[in-house]
Amino acid sequence: DEQVQFAAYKQFCDSTSAEKKAAIEEESEQITVLSADIQKDDAFAKKMAKEISGHEEDVSNWEGDQKSATKVRESEKAEYKAMHKDYTESVDALNRAIAVLKEQAHDRAQATSLVQLASLQ
């Protein structure tokens, strides 16, 4: 009876041992594949980190450009407002002058005015 049990146990150990060896071999191959994937992904991550760094530098430069362009636009806006105010005041003054001249417009003899000018010379 003991020999039967031992034979069954030996049979179990032999079959389990073969299964475990195959499983270990399969998992070792999987470890190799995953290690290669990790190395590839690490290289990719380093490459992307470099690109991100370059993009961050670009963004920083663009933000600086935007700030300086904004300052230029603000000064140009102030110049425009001053010029617009000046022109508006000038046009308003001209309109008032035209209105005054129109109020004073009445018939004047052109011929006598020209004679008077000729006699002054």
Foldseek 3Di string as FASTA:
>chain_A
DVVVVVVVVVVVCVVVVVVVVVVVVVVVVVVVVVVVVVVVVVVVVVVVVVVVVVVVVVVVVVVVVVVVVVVVVVVVVVVVVVVVVVVVVVVVVVVVVVVVVVVVDDDDDPVVVVVVVVVVD
